[in-house]
Amino acid sequence: MFEKRVTIYKKRDRATWEEIKRSLKAAGLKGFKAGHYFQETVTGGGCGAKLDPRDFGPGGRIDRDIYWVKVIEGDEERASDILKKDGIVAEIEENVLMDAALRKTPKE
């Protein structure tokens, strides 16, 4: 009932998240969990309504959710093989919660 799960995907990329879910489900992998959450502080818009001013641009609301997929610890290798077979790259972005201005990319 309570099995340890490991994260195989954690990123701000809804399209890949949906592909991973479809691929694992189609392959018959049982017990994986997927979800998303919003982990940013909302700055006040000045009117006191606690609305995020970034949601009212010309393109509408920006998707800032963090998407994740976890599999049962023993199924990690199988899940990896399923995703590789379907050409999907599942990655864990460790600094997903860090402000973009503070993220440092390695220089080559």
Protein backbone atom coordinates (compact mmCIF):
# COMPACT_ATOMS: atom_id res chain seq x y z
CA MET A 1 0.00 0.00 0.00
CA PHE A 2 2.67 2.50 1.01
CA GLU A 3 5.49 1.98 -1.42
CA LYS A 4 8.46 4.28 -1.72
CA ARG A 5 8.39 6.34 -4.89
CA VAL A 6 11.18 8.13 -6.70
CA THR A 7 10.85 11.24 -8.81
CA ILE A 8 11.69 10.72 -12.46
CA TYR A 9 10.42 14.06 -13.76
CA LYS A 10 10.17 17.54 -12.24
CA LYS A 11 10.07 20.54 -14.50
CA ARG A 12 7.96 23.41 -15.79
CA ASP A 13 6.94 21.68 -19.00
CA ARG A 14 3.34 20.56 -19.26
CA ALA A 15 3.63 19.06 -22.77
CA THR A 16 6.41 16.64 -21.80
CA TRP A 17 4.60 15.81 -18.55
CA GLU A 18 1.50 14.80 -20.51
CA GLU A 19 3.61 12.71 -22.92
CA ILE A 20 5.26 10.89 -20.00
CA LYS A 21 1.90 10.10 -18.42
CA ARG A 22 0.47 8.81 -21.72
CA SER A 23 3.55 6.70 -22.41
CA LEU A 24 3.68 5.07 -18.96
CA LYS A 25 -0.06 4.39 -18.99
CA ALA A 26 0.04 2.90 -22.51
CA ALA A 27 2.90 0.59 -21.48
CA GLY A 28 0.85 -0.65 -18.53
CA LEU A 29 3.11 0.67 -15.76
CA LYS A 30 1.06 0.59 -12.56
CA GLY A 31 1.50 2.71 -9.48
CA PHE A 32 3.02 5.86 -10.95
CA LYS A 33 1.78 9.21 -9.71
CA ALA A 34 1.78 12.53 -11.51
CA GLY A 35 0.77 16.00 -10.46
CA HIS A 36 1.59 19.66 -10.48
CA TYR A 37 1.79 22.51 -8.03
CA PHE A 38 2.35 26.25 -7.97
CA GLN A 39 5.35 27.28 -5.89
CA GLU A 40 5.79 31.00 -6.36
CA THR A 41 4.89 33.91 -4.21
CA VAL A 42 2.40 36.24 -5.80
CA THR A 43 3.38 39.87 -5.64
CA GLY A 44 0.56 42.30 -5.07
CA GLY A 45 -0.69 44.19 -8.09
CA GLY A 46 -0.99 47.47 -6.24
CA CYS A 47 -4.74 47.40 -5.79
CA GLY A 48 -4.66 45.03 -2.83
CA ALA A 49 -6.53 42.30 -4.68
CA LYS A 50 -3.58 39.84 -4.54
CA LEU A 51 -3.81 39.27 -8.29
CA ASP A 52 -0.67 38.35 -10.16
CA PRO A 53 0.00 41.14 -12.69
CA ARG A 54 1.76 38.63 -15.02
CA ASP A 55 -1.61 36.97 -15.71
CA PHE A 56 -2.96 40.00 -17.55
CA GLY A 57 -0.52 40.33 -20.44
CA PRO A 58 -1.36 40.08 -24.12
CA GLY A 59 -0.84 36.29 -24.09
CA GLY A 60 -3.02 35.65 -21.04
CA ARG A 61 -2.00 33.60 -18.01
CA ILE A 62 1.55 32.21 -17.99
CA ASP A 63 1.83 28.57 -16.92
CA ARG A 64 4.20 28.62 -13.95
CA ASP A 65 3.21 25.27 -12.45
CA ILE A 66 5.85 22.68 -11.63
CA TYR A 67 4.98 19.26 -13.04
CA TRP A 68 6.23 15.99 -11.51
CA VAL A 69 6.03 12.23 -12.04
CA LYS A 70 6.94 9.60 -9.44
CA VAL A 71 7.22 5.85 -9.92
CA ILE A 72 7.57 2.97 -7.47
CA GLU A 73 11.22 2.55 -6.56
CA GLY A 74 11.49 -0.89 -8.17
CA ASP A 75 9.94 0.36 -11.44
CA GLU A 76 12.40 3.20 -12.03
CA GLU A 77 14.48 1.31 -14.60
CA ARG A 78 11.41 0.00 -16.42
CA ALA A 79 9.92 3.51 -16.60
CA SER A 80 13.21 4.82 -17.96
CA ASP A 81 13.24 2.13 -20.65
CA ILE A 82 9.64 2.90 -21.63
CA LEU A 83 10.40 6.60 -22.01
CA LYS A 84 13.62 5.97 -23.97
CA LYS A 85 11.74 3.66 -26.34
CA ASP A 86 9.19 6.44 -26.97
CA GLY A 87 11.91 9.08 -27.38
CA ILE A 88 10.94 11.07 -24.31
CA VAL A 89 13.56 12.67 -22.09
CA ALA A 90 12.47 12.85 -18.45
CA GLU A 91 14.59 15.17 -16.39
CA ILE A 92 14.61 16.60 -12.91
CA GLU A 93 15.34 20.29 -12.82
CA GLU A 94 16.76 20.86 -9.34
CA ASN A 95 16.67 24.64 -9.49
CA VAL A 96 13.09 24.81 -10.79
CA LEU A 97 12.06 26.97 -7.83
CA MET A 98 14.94 29.40 -8.20
CA ASP A 99 14.36 32.77 -9.81
CA ALA A 100 15.49 32.75 -13.45
CA ALA A 101 17.84 35.67 -12.83
CA LEU A 102 19.67 33.69 -10.15
CA ARG A 103 20.05 30.46 -12.13
CA LYS A 104 23.56 29.88 -13.34
CA THR A 105 24.27 27.82 -16.39
CA PRO A 106 27.68 26.20 -16.76
CA LYS A 107 29.87 27.91 -19.34
CA GLU A 108 31.73 25.71 -21.76
